[in-house]
PDB file of N, CA and C in Angstrom:
ATOM      1  N   MET A   1      16.611  47.041 -11.580  1.00  0.00           N
ATOM      2  CA  MET A   1      17.630  47.908 -11.025  1.00  0.00           C
ATOM      3  C   MET A   1      17.041  48.695  -9.870  1.00  0.00           C
ATOM      4  N   SER A   2      17.842  48.955  -8.875  1.00  0.00           N
ATOM      5  CA  SER A   2      17.372  49.679  -7.706  1.00  0.00           C
ATOM      6  C   SER A   2      17.358  51.181  -7.982  1.00  0.00           C
ATOM      7  N   ASN A   3      17.039  51.945  -6.967  1.00  0.00           N
ATOM      8  CA  ASN A   3      16.957  53.393  -7.139  1.00  0.00           C
ATOM      9  C   ASN A   3      18.336  54.040  -7.108  1.00  0.00           C
ATOM     10  N   ASN A   4      19.394  53.255  -6.929  1.00  0.00           N
ATOM     11  CA  ASN A   4      20.747  53.793  -6.936  1.00  0.00           C
ATOM     12  C   ASN A   4      21.151  54.112  -8.373  1.00  0.00           C
ATOM     13  N   GLU A   5      21.930  55.161  -8.510  1.00  0.00           N
ATOM     14  CA  GLU A   5      22.272  55.648  -9.834  1.00  0.00           C
ATOM     15  C   GLU A   5      23.662  55.179 -10.248  1.00  0.00           C
ATOM     16  N   ILE A   6      23.748  54.570 -11.421  1.00  0.00           N
ATOM     17  CA  ILE A   6      25.015  54.148 -12.001  1.00  0.00           C
ATOM     18  C   ILE A   6      25.139  54.825 -13.356  1.00  0.00           C
ATOM     19  N   ILE A   7      26.184  55.608 -13.528  1.00  0.00           N
ATOM     20  CA  ILE A   7      26.429  56.323 -14.780  1.00  0.00           C
ATOM     21  C   ILE A   7      27.628  55.668 -15.464  1.00  0.00           C
ATOM     22  N   ILE A   8      27.441  55.230 -16.691  1.00  0.00           N
ATOM     23  CA  ILE A   8      28.501  54.576 -17.448  1.00  0.00           C
ATOM     24  C   ILE A   8      28.817  55.432 -18.669  1.00  0.00           C
ATOM     25  N   SER A   9      30.092  55.740 -18.847  1.00  0.00           N
ATOM     26  CA  SER A   9      30.490  56.516 -20.025  1.00  0.00           C
ATOM     27  C   SER A   9      31.690  55.837 -20.680  1.00  0.00           C
ATOM     28  N   GLY A  10      31.838  56.054 -21.971  1.00  0.00           N
ATOM     29  CA  GLY A  10      32.928  55.445 -22.728  1.00  0.00           C
ATOM     30  C   GLY A  10      33.722  56.486 -23.477  1.00  0.00           C
ATOM     31  N   GLN A  11      35.017  56.208 -23.599  1.00  0.00           N
ATOM     32  CA  GLN A  11      35.903  57.123 -24.303  1.00  0.00           C
ATOM     33  C   GLN A  11      36.686  56.316 -25.338  1.00  0.00           C
ATOM     34  N   ASN A  12      36.572  56.666 -26.596  1.00  0.00           N
ATOM     35  CA  ASN A  12      37.181  55.950 -27.712  1.00  0.00           C
ATOM     36  C   ASN A  12      36.704  54.496 -27.769  1.00  0.00           C
ATOM     37  N   LEU A  13      35.442  54.285 -27.415  1.00  0.00           N
ATOM     38  CA  LEU A  13      34.938  52.935 -27.295  1.00  0.00           C
ATOM     39  C   LEU A  13      33.420  52.971 -27.387  1.00  0.00           C
ATOM     40  N   GLU A  14      32.857  52.010 -28.090  1.00  0.00           N
ATOM     41  CA  GLU A  14      31.405  51.936 -28.203  1.00  0.00           C
ATOM     42  C   GLU A  14      30.867  51.111 -27.038  1.00  0.00           C
ATOM     43  N   LEU A  15      29.913  51.673 -26.311  1.00  0.00           N
ATOM     44  CA  LEU A  15      29.309  50.975 -25.179  1.00  0.00           C
ATOM     45  C   LEU A  15      28.184  50.079 -25.695  1.00  0.00           C
ATOM     46  N   THR A  16      28.450  48.794 -25.752  1.00  0.00           N
ATOM     47  CA  THR A  16      27.436  47.855 -26.202  1.00  0.00           C
ATOM     48  C   THR A  16      26.492  47.533 -25.051  1.00  0.00           C
ATOM     49  N   ASP A  17      25.342  46.963 -25.382  1.00  0.00           N
ATOM     50  CA  ASP A  17      24.386  46.575 -24.348  1.00  0.00           C
ATOM     51  C   ASP A  17      24.974  45.521 -23.422  1.00  0.00           C
ATOM     52  N   ALA A  18      25.752  44.601 -23.960  1.00  0.00           N
ATOM     53  CA  ALA A  18      26.377  43.555 -23.138  1.00  0.00           C
ATOM     54  C   ALA A  18      27.354  44.164 -22.142  1.00  0.00           C
ATOM     55  N   LEU A  19      28.117  45.140 -22.582  1.00  0.00           N
ATOM     56  CA  LEU A  19      29.077  45.805 -21.704  1.00  0.00           C
ATOM     57  C   LEU A  19      28.355  46.584 -20.606  1.00  0.00           C
ATOM     58  N   LYS A  20      27.285  47.283 -20.981  1.00  0.00           N
ATOM     59  CA  LYS A  20      26.509  48.050 -19.994  1.00  0.00           C
ATOM     60  C   LYS A  20      25.871  47.147 -18.951  1.00  0.00           C
ATOM     61  N   THR A  21      25.271  46.037 -19.377  1.00  0.00           N
ATOM     62  CA  THR A  21      24.629  45.140 -18.411  1.00  0.00           C
ATOM     63  C   THR A  21      25.653  44.460 -17.529  1.00  0.00           C
ATOM     64  N   ASN A  22      26.826  44.137 -18.082  1.00  0.00           N
ATOM     65  CA  ASN A  22      27.893  43.540 -17.275  1.00  0.00           C
ATOM     66  C   ASN A  22      28.339  44.502 -16.178  1.00  0.00           C
ATOM     67  N   VAL A  23      28.595  45.746 -16.550  1.00  0.00           N
ATOM     68  CA  VAL A  23      29.035  46.750 -15.571  1.00  0.00           C
ATOM     69  C   VAL A  23      27.939  46.997 -14.540  1.00  0.00           C
ATOM     70  N   THR A  24      26.709  47.153 -14.971  1.00  0.00           N
ATOM     71  CA  THR A  24      25.605  47.445 -14.051  1.00  0.00           C
ATOM     72  C   THR A  24      25.391  46.308 -13.058  1.00  0.00           C
ATOM     73  N   SER A  25      25.395  45.066 -13.541  1.00  0.00           N
ATOM     74  CA  SER A  25      25.147  43.944 -12.636  1.00  0.00           C
ATOM     75  C   SER A  25      26.260  43.794 -11.604  1.00  0.00           C
ATOM     76  N   LYS A  26      27.488  44.064 -12.002  1.00  0.00           N
ATOM     77  CA  LYS A  26      28.601  43.940 -11.059  1.00  0.00           C
ATOM     78  C   LYS A  26      28.671  45.123 -10.100  1.00  0.00           C
ATOM     79  N   MET A  27      28.351  46.308 -10.579  1.00  0.00           N
ATOM     80  CA  MET A  27      28.433  47.491  -9.729  1.00  0.00           C
ATOM     81  C   MET A  27      27.313  47.554  -8.700  1.00  0.00           C
ATOM     82  N   GLU A  28      26.173  46.930  -8.996  1.00  0.00           N
ATOM     83  CA  GLU A  28      25.068  46.939  -8.029  1.00  0.00           C
ATOM     84  C   GLU A  28      25.444  46.217  -6.743  1.00  0.00           C
ATOM     85  N   LYS A  29      26.411  45.303  -6.816  1.00  0.00           N
ATOM     86  CA  LYS A  29      26.878  44.604  -5.622  1.00  0.00           C
ATOM     87  C   LYS A  29      27.536  45.560  -4.633  1.00  0.00           C
ATOM     88  N   LEU A  30      28.095  46.659  -5.124  1.00  0.00           N
ATOM     89  CA  LEU A  30      28.748  47.620  -4.235  1.00  0.00           C
ATOM     90  C   LEU A  30      27.746  48.336  -3.334  1.00  0.00           C
ATOM     91  N   PHE A  31      26.501  48.461  -3.795  1.00  0.00           N
ATOM     92  CA  PHE A  31      25.492  49.140  -2.984  1.00  0.00           C
ATOM     93  C   PHE A  31      25.125  48.312  -1.760  1.00  0.00           C
ATOM     94  N   THR A  32      25.382  47.006  -1.785  1.00  0.00           N
ATOM     95  CA  THR A  32      25.116  46.186  -0.597  1.00  0.00           C
ATOM     96  C   THR A  32      26.170  46.416   0.478  1.00  0.00           C
ATOM     97  N   HIS A  33      27.370  46.840   0.088  1.00  0.00           N
ATOM     98  CA  HIS A  33      28.432  47.107   1.062  1.00  0.00           C
ATOM     99  C   HIS A  33      28.158  48.363   1.870  1.00  0.00           C
ATOM    100  N   ASP A  34      27.575  49.357   1.215  1.00  0.00           N
ATOM    101  CA  ASP A  34      27.335  50.634   1.883  1.00  0.00           C
ATOM    102  C   ASP A  34      26.045  51.236   1.340  1.00  0.00           C
ATOM    103  N   ASP A  35      25.098  51.489   2.226  1.00  0.00           N
ATOM    104  CA  ASP A  35      23.820  52.047   1.782  1.00  0.00           C
ATOM    105  C   ASP A  35      23.859  53.561   1.652  1.00  0.00           C
ATOM    106  N   ARG A  36      24.986  54.186   1.988  1.00  0.00           N
ATOM    107  CA  ARG A  36      25.096  55.642   1.875  1.00  0.00           C
ATOM    108  C   ARG A  36      25.632  56.097   0.525  1.00  0.00           C
ATOM    109  N   ILE A  37      25.911  55.167  -0.363  1.00  0.00           N
ATOM    110  CA  ILE A  37      26.433  55.523  -1.690  1.00  0.00           C
ATOM    111  C   ILE A  37      25.352  56.276  -2.462  1.00  0.00           C
ATOM    112  N   ILE A  38      25.695  57.434  -2.945  1.00  0.00           N
ATOM    113  CA  ILE A  38      24.755  58.273  -3.681  1.00  0.00           C
ATOM    114  C   ILE A  38      24.749  57.899  -5.163  1.00  0.00           C
ATOM    115  N   ARG A  39      25.936  57.793  -5.731  1.00  0.00           N
ATOM    116  CA  ARG A  39      26.035  57.591  -7.181  1.00  0.00           C
ATOM    117  C   ARG A  39      27.365  56.919  -7.504  1.00  0.00           C
ATOM    118  N   LEU A  40      27.348  56.093  -8.535  1.00  0.00           N
ATOM    119  CA  LEU A  40      28.559  55.485  -9.082  1.00  0.00           C
ATOM    120  C   LEU A  40      28.757  55.978 -10.499  1.00  0.00           C
ATOM    121  N   ARG A  41      29.940  56.469 -10.803  1.00  0.00           N
ATOM    122  CA  ARG A  41      30.265  56.861 -12.171  1.00  0.00           C
ATOM    123  C   ARG A  41      31.399  55.968 -12.655  1.00  0.00           C
ATOM    124  N   ILE A  42      31.172  55.291 -13.743  1.00  0.00           N
ATOM    125  CA  ILE A  42      32.164  54.389 -14.312  1.00  0.00           C
ATOM    126  C   ILE A  42      32.561  54.929 -15.678  1.00  0.00           C
ATOM    127  N   GLU A  43      33.849  55.128 -15.876  1.00  0.00           N
ATOM    128  CA  GLU A  43      34.368  55.624 -17.143  1.00  0.00           C
ATOM    129  C   GLU A  43      35.236  54.531 -17.762  1.00  0.00           C
ATOM    130  N   LEU A  44      34.850  54.060 -18.919  1.00  0.00           N
ATOM    131  CA  LEU A  44      35.594  53.029 -19.635  1.00  0.00           C
ATOM    132  C   LEU A  44      36.311  53.700 -20.806  1.00  0.00           C
ATOM    133  N   ALA A  45      37.592  53.390 -20.982  1.00  0.00           N
ATOM    134  CA  ALA A  45      38.365  54.048 -22.028  1.00  0.00           C
ATOM    135  C   ALA A  45      39.241  53.038 -22.764  1.00  0.00           C
ATOM    136  N   TYR A  46      39.498  53.343 -24.018  1.00  0.00           N
ATOM    137  CA  TYR A  46      40.371  52.543 -24.869  1.00  0.00           C
ATOM    138  C   TYR A  46      41.517  53.434 -25.306  1.00  0.00           C
ATOM    139  N   LYS A  47      42.749  52.951 -25.067  1.00  0.00           N
ATOM    140  CA  LYS A  47      43.930  53.708 -25.472  1.00  0.00           C
ATOM    141  C   LYS A  47      44.802  52.829 -26.362  1.00  0.00           C
ATOM    142  N   PRO A  48      44.813  53.079 -27.668  1.00  0.00           N
ATOM    143  CA  PRO A  48      45.662  52.253 -28.539  1.00  0.00           C
ATOM    144  C   PRO A  48      47.138  52.629 -28.368  1.00  0.00           C
ATOM    145  N   ASN A  49      47.984  51.626 -28.253  1.00  0.00           N
ATOM    146  CA  ASN A  49      49.427  51.829 -28.150  1.00  0.00           C
ATOM    147  C   ASN A  49      50.108  51.145 -29.327  1.00  0.00           C
ATOM    148  N   LYS A  50      51.098  51.802 -29.906  1.00  0.00           N
ATOM    149  CA  LYS A  50      51.814  51.210 -31.029  1.00  0.00           C
ATOM    150  C   LYS A  50      52.809  50.158 -30.558  1.00  0.00           C
ATOM    151  N   ASN A  51      53.499  50.426 -29.474  1.00  0.00           N
ATOM    152  CA  ASN A  51      54.556  49.532 -29.020  1.00  0.00           C
ATOM    153  C   ASN A  51      54.023  48.356 -28.208  1.00  0.00           C
ATOM    154  N   HIS A  52      53.033  48.602 -27.401  1.00  0.00           N
ATOM    155  CA  HIS A  52      52.526  47.584 -26.483  1.00  0.00           C
ATOM    156  C   HIS A  52      51.145  47.113 -26.945  1.00  0.00           C
ATOM    157  N   HIS A  53      50.564  46.255 -26.132  1.00  0.00           N
ATOM    158  CA  HIS A  53      49.200  45.815 -26.393  1.00  0.00           C
ATOM    159  C   HIS A  53      48.248  46.988 -26.224  1.00  0.00           C
ATOM    160  N   ASN A  54      47.093  46.892 -26.813  1.00  0.00           N
ATOM    161  CA  ASN A  54      46.087  47.924 -26.627  1.00  0.00           C
ATOM    162  C   ASN A  54      45.661  47.931 -25.169  1.00  0.00           C
ATOM    163  N   GLU A  55      45.406  49.096 -24.648  1.00  0.00           N
ATOM    164  CA  GLU A  55      45.127  49.226 -23.231  1.00  0.00           C
ATOM    165  C   GLU A  55      43.691  49.673 -23.001  1.00  0.00           C
ATOM    166  N   PHE A  56      42.981  48.942 -22.156  1.00  0.00           N
ATOM    167  CA  PHE A  56      41.631  49.286 -21.751  1.00  0.00           C
ATOM    168  C   PHE A  56      41.689  49.718 -20.298  1.00  0.00           C
ATOM    169  N   SER A  57      41.086  50.844 -19.986  1.00  0.00           N
ATOM    170  CA  SER A  57      41.100  51.308 -18.600  1.00  0.00           C
ATOM    171  C   SER A  57      39.677  51.525 -18.112  1.00  0.00           C
ATOM    172  N   ALA A  58      39.511  51.308 -16.828  1.00  0.00           N
ATOM    173  CA  ALA A  58      38.219  51.530 -16.174  1.00  0.00           C
ATOM    174  C   ALA A  58      38.470  52.388 -14.947  1.00  0.00           C
ATOM    175  N   LYS A  59      37.670  53.423 -14.805  1.00  0.00           N
ATOM    176  CA  LYS A  59      37.816  54.332 -13.672  1.00  0.00           C
ATOM    177  C   LYS A  59      36.471  54.406 -12.959  1.00  0.00           C
ATOM    178  N   GLY A  60      36.496  54.196 -11.654  1.00  0.00           N
ATOM    179  CA  GLY A  60      35.286  54.235 -10.859  1.00  0.00           C
ATOM    180  C   GLY A  60      35.318  55.395  -9.892  1.00  0.00           C
ATOM    181  N   HIS A  61      34.215  56.093  -9.782  1.00  0.00           N
ATOM    182  CA  HIS A  61      34.085  57.257  -8.905  1.00  0.00           C
ATOM    183  C   HIS A  61      32.832  57.042  -8.060  1.00  0.00           C
ATOM    184  N   ILE A  62      33.030  56.853  -6.754  1.00  0.00           N
ATOM    185  CA  ILE A  62      31.899  56.631  -5.850  1.00  0.00           C
ATOM    186  C   ILE A  62      31.617  57.943  -5.120  1.00  0.00           C
ATOM    187  N   GLU A  63      30.415  58.453  -5.294  1.00  0.00           N
ATOM    188  CA  GLU A  63      29.999  59.646  -4.562  1.00  0.00           C
ATOM    189  C   GLU A  63      29.312  59.186  -3.287  1.00  0.00           C
ATOM    190  N   ILE A  64      29.856  59.623  -2.159  1.00  0.00           N
ATOM    191  CA  ILE A  64      29.421  59.182  -0.843  1.00  0.00           C
ATOM    192  C   ILE A  64      29.590  60.367   0.098  1.00  0.00           C
ATOM    193  N   PRO A  65      28.799  60.460   1.177  1.00  0.00           N
ATOM    194  CA  PRO A  65      29.048  61.545   2.136  1.00  0.00           C
ATOM    195  C   PRO A  65      30.485  61.485   2.642  1.00  0.00           C
ATOM    196  N   GLY A  66      31.137  62.610   2.646  1.00  0.00           N
ATOM    197  CA  GLY A  66      32.553  62.653   2.976  1.00  0.00           C
ATOM    198  C   GLY A  66      33.355  62.692   1.685  1.00  0.00           C
ATOM    199  N   PRO A  67      34.629  62.381   1.769  1.00  0.00           N
ATOM    200  CA  PRO A  67      35.444  62.392   0.550  1.00  0.00           C
ATOM    201  C   PRO A  67      35.016  61.290  -0.416  1.00  0.00           C
ATOM    202  N   ASP A  68      34.945  61.647  -1.694  1.00  0.00           N
ATOM    203  CA  ASP A  68      34.586  60.665  -2.707  1.00  0.00           C
ATOM    204  C   ASP A  68      35.735  59.686  -2.910  1.00  0.00           C
ATOM    205  N   MET A  69      35.408  58.504  -3.420  1.00  0.00           N
ATOM    206  CA  MET A  69      36.414  57.474  -3.684  1.00  0.00           C
ATOM    207  C   MET A  69      36.621  57.369  -5.185  1.00  0.00           C
ATOM    208  N   VAL A  70      37.875  57.397  -5.609  1.00  0.00           N
ATOM    209  CA  VAL A  70      38.205  57.291  -7.025  1.00  0.00           C
ATOM    210  C   VAL A  70      39.259  56.199  -7.195  1.00  0.00           C
ATOM    211  N   VAL A  71      38.997  55.259  -8.093  1.00  0.00           N
ATOM    212  CA  VAL A  71      39.910  54.151  -8.358  1.00  0.00           C
ATOM    213  C   VAL A  71      39.996  53.958  -9.862  1.00  0.00           C
ATOM    214  N   SER A  72      41.196  53.667 -10.359  1.00  0.00           N
ATOM    215  CA  SER A  72      41.334  53.377 -11.782  1.00  0.00           C
ATOM    216  C   SER A  72      42.204  52.146 -11.979  1.00  0.00           C
ATOM    217  N   VAL A  73      41.901  51.418 -13.047  1.00  0.00           N
ATOM    218  CA  VAL A  73      42.584  50.171 -13.372  1.00  0.00           C
ATOM    219  C   VAL A  73      42.796  50.126 -14.870  1.00  0.00           C
ATOM    220  N   ALA A  74      43.919  49.574 -15.303  1.00  0.00           N
ATOM    221  CA  ALA A  74      44.178  49.417 -16.735  1.00  0.00           C
ATOM    222  C   ALA A  74      44.707  48.012 -16.993  1.00  0.00           C
ATOM    223  N   SER A  75      44.268  47.409 -18.100  1.00  0.00           N
ATOM    224  CA  SER A  75      44.765  46.098 -18.512  1.00  0.00           C
ATOM    225  C   SER A  75      44.562  45.947 -20.020  1.00  0.00           C
ATOM    226  N   ASP A  76      44.883  44.758 -20.546  1.00  0.00           N
ATOM    227  CA  ASP A  76      44.745  44.542 -21.975  1.00  0.00           C
ATOM    228  C   ASP A  76      43.379  43.999 -22.373  1.00  0.00           C
ATOM    229  N   ASP A  77      42.466  43.829 -21.396  1.00  0.00           N
ATOM    230  CA  ASP A  77      41.115  43.343 -21.667  1.00  0.00           C
ATOM    231  C   ASP A  77      40.115  44.184 -20.877  1.00  0.00           C
ATOM    232  N   MET A  78      39.038  44.618 -21.519  1.00  0.00           N
ATOM    233  CA  MET A  78      38.067  45.489 -20.858  1.00  0.00           C
ATOM    234  C   MET A  78      37.363  44.779 -19.715  1.00  0.00           C
ATOM    235  N   TYR A  79      36.965  43.526 -19.913  1.00  0.00           N
ATOM    236  CA  TYR A  79      36.247  42.807 -18.864  1.00  0.00           C
ATOM    237  C   TYR A  79      37.151  42.528 -17.666  1.00  0.00           C
ATOM    238  N   LYS A  80      38.427  42.306 -17.925  1.00  0.00           N
ATOM    239  CA  LYS A  80      39.399  42.120 -16.838  1.00  0.00           C
ATOM    240  C   LYS A  80      39.549  43.428 -16.055  1.00  0.00           C
ATOM    241  N   SER A  81      39.573  44.551 -16.748  1.00  0.00           N
ATOM    242  CA  SER A  81      39.665  45.856 -16.088  1.00  0.00           C
ATOM    243  C   SER A  81      38.446  46.106 -15.204  1.00  0.00           C
ATOM    244  N   ILE A  82      37.263  45.732 -15.682  1.00  0.00           N
ATOM    245  CA  ILE A  82      36.033  45.919 -14.906  1.00  0.00           C
ATOM    246  C   ILE A  82      36.064  45.058 -13.646  1.00  0.00           C
ATOM    247  N   ASP A  83      36.503  43.799 -13.788  1.00  0.00           N
ATOM    248  CA  ASP A  83      36.571  42.905 -12.628  1.00  0.00           C
ATOM    249  C   ASP A  83      37.563  43.420 -11.582  1.00  0.00           C
ATOM    250  N   GLU A  84      38.723  43.891 -12.029  1.00  0.00           N
ATOM    251  CA  GLU A  84      39.710  44.432 -11.094  1.00  0.00           C
ATOM    252  C   GLU A  84      39.191  45.706 -10.433  1.00  0.00           C
ATOM    253  N   LEU A  85      38.445  46.500 -11.173  1.00  0.00           N
ATOM    254  CA  LEU A  85      37.866  47.722 -10.609  1.00  0.00           C
ATOM    255  C   LEU A  85      36.878  47.399  -9.498  1.00  0.00           C
ATOM    256  N   ILE A  86      36.056  46.374  -9.693  1.00  0.00           N
ATOM    257  CA  ILE A  86      35.094  45.958  -8.669  1.00  0.00           C
ATOM    258  C   ILE A  86      35.829  45.563  -7.393  1.00  0.00           C
ATOM    259  N   VAL A  87      36.890  44.787  -7.539  1.00  0.00           N
ATOM    260  CA  VAL A  87      37.658  44.324  -6.381  1.00  0.00           C
ATOM    261  C   VAL A  87      38.252  45.507  -5.625  1.00  0.00           C
ATOM    262  N   LYS A  88      38.840  46.452  -6.362  1.00  0.00           N
ATOM    263  CA  LYS A  88      39.458  47.606  -5.711  1.00  0.00           C
ATOM    264  C   LYS A  88      38.433  48.504  -5.022  1.00  0.00           C
ATOM    265  N   LEU A  89      37.295  48.728  -5.666  1.00  0.00           N
ATOM    266  CA  LEU A  89      36.265  49.570  -5.057  1.00  0.00           C
ATOM    267  C   LEU A  89      35.692  48.919  -3.798  1.00  0.00           C
ATOM    268  N   ALA A  90      35.447  47.624  -3.845  1.00  0.00           N
ATOM    269  CA  ALA A  90      34.925  46.921  -2.668  1.00  0.00           C
ATOM    270  C   ALA A  90      35.940  46.966  -1.528  1.00  0.00           C
ATOM    271  N   ARG A  91      37.201  46.793  -1.843  1.00  0.00           N
ATOM    272  CA  ARG A  91      38.255  46.859  -0.822  1.00  0.00           C
ATOM    273  C   ARG A  91      38.316  48.257  -0.196  1.00  0.00           C
ATOM    274  N   LYS A  92      38.170  49.265  -1.022  1.00  0.00           N
ATOM    275  CA  LYS A  92      38.225  50.642  -0.513  1.00  0.00           C
ATOM    276  C   LYS A  92      37.026  50.945   0.389  1.00  0.00           C
ATOM    277  N   ILE A  93      35.849  50.448   0.033  1.00  0.00           N
ATOM    278  CA  ILE A  93      34.656  50.648   0.869  1.00  0.00           C
ATOM    279  C   ILE A  93      34.827  49.932   2.208  1.00  0.00           C
ATOM    280  N   ARG A  94      35.310  48.680   2.169  1.00  0.00           N
ATOM    281  CA  ARG A  94      35.518  47.929   3.416  1.00  0.00           C
ATOM    282  C   ARG A  94      36.544  48.615   4.309  1.00  0.00           C
ATOM    283  N   ARG A  95      37.604  49.154   3.717  1.00  0.00           N
ATOM    284  CA  ARG A  95      38.637  49.856   4.495  1.00  0.00           C
ATOM    285  C   ARG A  95      38.048  51.097   5.165  1.00  0.00           C
ATOM    286  N   ARG A  96      37.229  51.809   4.439  1.00  0.00           N
ATOM    287  CA  ARG A  96      36.618  53.008   5.007  1.00  0.00           C
ATOM    288  C   ARG A  96      35.711  52.658   6.181  1.00  0.00           C
ATOM    289  N   HIS A  97      34.937  51.569   6.054  1.00  0.00           N
ATOM    290  CA  HIS A  97      34.074  51.132   7.158  1.00  0.00           C
ATOM    291  C   HIS A  97      34.905  50.732   8.372  1.00  0.00           C
ATOM    292  N   ARG A  98      35.991  50.013   8.117  1.00  0.00           N
ATOM    293  CA  ARG A  98      36.852  49.580   9.219  1.00  0.00           C
ATOM    294  C   ARG A  98      37.440  50.784   9.949  1.00  0.00           C
ATOM    295  N   LEU A  99      37.904  51.781   9.210  1.00  0.00           N
ATOM    296  CA  LEU A  99      38.482  52.967   9.835  1.00  0.00           C
ATOM    297  C   LEU A  99      37.436  53.764  10.608  1.00  0.00           C
ATOM    298  N   GLU A 100      36.220  53.838  10.086  1.00  0.00           N
ATOM    299  CA  GLU A 100      35.146  54.527  10.807  1.00  0.00           C
ATOM    300  C   GLU A 100      34.811  53.802  12.098  1.00  0.00           C
ATOM    301  N   ARG A 101      34.800  52.487  12.067  1.00  0.00           N
ATOM    302  CA  ARG A 101      34.496  51.695  13.260  1.00  0.00           C
ATOM    303  C   ARG A 101      35.591  51.857  14.312  1.00  0.00           C
ATOM    304  N   ILE A 102      36.857  51.869  13.886  1.00  0.00           N
ATOM    305  CA  ILE A 102      37.969  52.065  14.819  1.00  0.00           C
ATOM    306  C   ILE A 102      37.885  53.444  15.443  1.00  0.00           C
ATOM    307  N   LYS A 103      37.601  54.447  14.638  1.00  0.00           N
ATOM    308  CA  LYS A 103      37.509  55.813  15.139  1.00  0.00           C
ATOM    309  C   LYS A 103      36.351  55.959  16.117  1.00  0.00           C
ATOM    310  N   ARG A 104      35.239  55.293  15.834  1.00  0.00           N
ATOM    311  CA  ARG A 104      34.059  55.375  16.682  1.00  0.00           C
ATOM    312  C   ARG A 104      34.296  54.682  18.022  1.00  0.00           C
ATOM    313  N   ASN A 105      35.047  53.590  18.037  1.00  0.00           N
ATOM    314  CA  ASN A 105      35.255  52.832  19.263  1.00  0.00           C
ATOM    315  C   ASN A 105      36.429  53.332  20.100  1.00  0.00           C
ATOM    316  N   LYS A 106      37.240  54.195  19.553  1.00  0.00           N
ATOM    317  CA  LYS A 106      38.407  54.691  20.284  1.00  0.00           C
ATOM    318  C   LYS A 106      37.979  55.815  21.224  1.00  0.00           C
ATOM    319  N   LEU A 107      38.321  55.660  22.500  1.00  0.00           N
ATOM    320  CA  LEU A 107      37.976  56.670  23.485  1.00  0.00           C
ATOM    321  C   LEU A 107      39.067  57.731  23.531  1.00  0.00           C
ATOM    322  N   HIS A 108      38.660  58.967  23.661  1.00  0.00           N
ATOM    323  CA  HIS A 108      39.601  60.072  23.726  1.00  0.00           C
ATOM    324  C   HIS A 108      39.566  60.665  25.126  1.00  0.00           C
ATOM    325  N   ASP A 109      40.744  61.075  25.609  1.00  0.00           N
ATOM    326  CA  ASP A 109      40.799  61.766  26.888  1.00  0.00           C
ATOM    327  C   ASP A 109      40.215  63.156  26.714  1.00  0.00           C
ATOM    328  N   VAL A 110      39.510  63.599  27.733  1.00  0.00           N
ATOM    329  CA  VAL A 110      38.903  64.912  27.701  1.00  0.00           C
ATOM    330  C   VAL A 110      39.682  65.827  28.630  1.00  0.00           C
ATOM    331  N   ASP A 111      40.189  66.914  28.086  1.00  0.00           N
ATOM    332  CA  ASP A 111      40.902  67.892  28.904  1.00  0.00           C
ATOM    333  C   ASP A 111      39.940  69.013  29.247  1.00  0.00           C
ATOM    334  N   ILE A 112      39.775  69.253  30.517  1.00  0.00           N
ATOM    335  CA  ILE A 112      38.949  70.364  30.988  1.00  0.00           C
ATOM    336  C   ILE A 112      39.911  71.400  31.551  1.00  0.00           C
ATOM    337  N   PRO A 113      39.901  72.612  31.010  1.00  0.00           N
ATOM    338  CA  PRO A 113      40.882  73.608  31.434  1.00  0.00           C
ATOM    339  C   PRO A 113      40.678  74.092  32.867  1.00  0.00           C
ATOM    340  N   ALA A 114      39.482  73.998  33.395  1.00  0.00           N
ATOM    341  CA  ALA A 114      39.246  74.501  34.750  1.00  0.00           C
ATOM    342  C   ALA A 114      39.556  73.402  35.759  1.00  0.00           C
ATOM    343  N   ALA A 115      40.029  73.851  36.937  1.00  0.00           N
ATOM    344  CA  ALA A 115      40.306  72.906  38.011  1.00  0.00           C
ATOM    345  C   ALA A 115      38.995  72.555  38.696  1.00  0.00           C
ATOM    346  N   LEU A 116      38.686  71.273  38.778  1.00  0.00           N
ATOM    347  CA  LEU A 116      37.451  70.830  39.397  1.00  0.00           C
ATOM    348  C   LEU A 116      37.728  70.404  40.834  1.00  0.00           C
ATOM    349  N   PRO A 117      36.819  70.740  41.737  1.00  0.00           N
ATOM    350  CA  PRO A 117      37.027  70.313  43.111  1.00  0.00           C
ATOM    351  C   PRO A 117      36.809  68.805  43.233  1.00  0.00           C
ATOM    352  N   LYS A 118      37.643  68.184  44.086  1.00  0.00           N
ATOM    353  CA  LYS A 118      37.530  66.744  44.291  1.00  0.00           C
ATOM    354  C   LYS A 118      36.492  66.475  45.372  1.00  0.00           C
ATOM    355  N   ILE A 119      35.666  65.489  45.144  1.00  0.00           N
ATOM    356  CA  ILE A 119      34.656  65.114  46.098  1.00  0.00           C
ATOM    357  C   ILE A 119      35.138  63.885  46.846  1.00  0.00           C
ATOM    358  N   ALA A 120      35.091  63.962  48.173  1.00  0.00           N
ATOM    359  CA  ALA A 120      35.598  62.842  48.961  1.00  0.00           C
ATOM    360  C   ALA A 120      34.505  61.882  49.336  1.00  0.00           C
TER     361      ALA A 120
END
């Protein structure tokens, strides 16, 4: 594992070694998208429903300079929730990079309040 920090927590659910290694191996791929990521917090939860199927949710919180990114996903399978969470987090990181690149390349007009003499 690299020096990047991944925090995994569970709610109403036992975190097995297989689940932890699955989450860690998949989440480490996100650090290749952006080297400014400070920490990843993954919260896995189990919510039993009487009427519907049991619901497993995964919530990802990326701590990065600027506004943090938070994404959550729910489905009837924990591993499916983790896979969907990876896709959403990667998409959000790519979108942020694209917007930063557009902002960086866009030229802005500069208004100078003083009248400058014209040179002929």
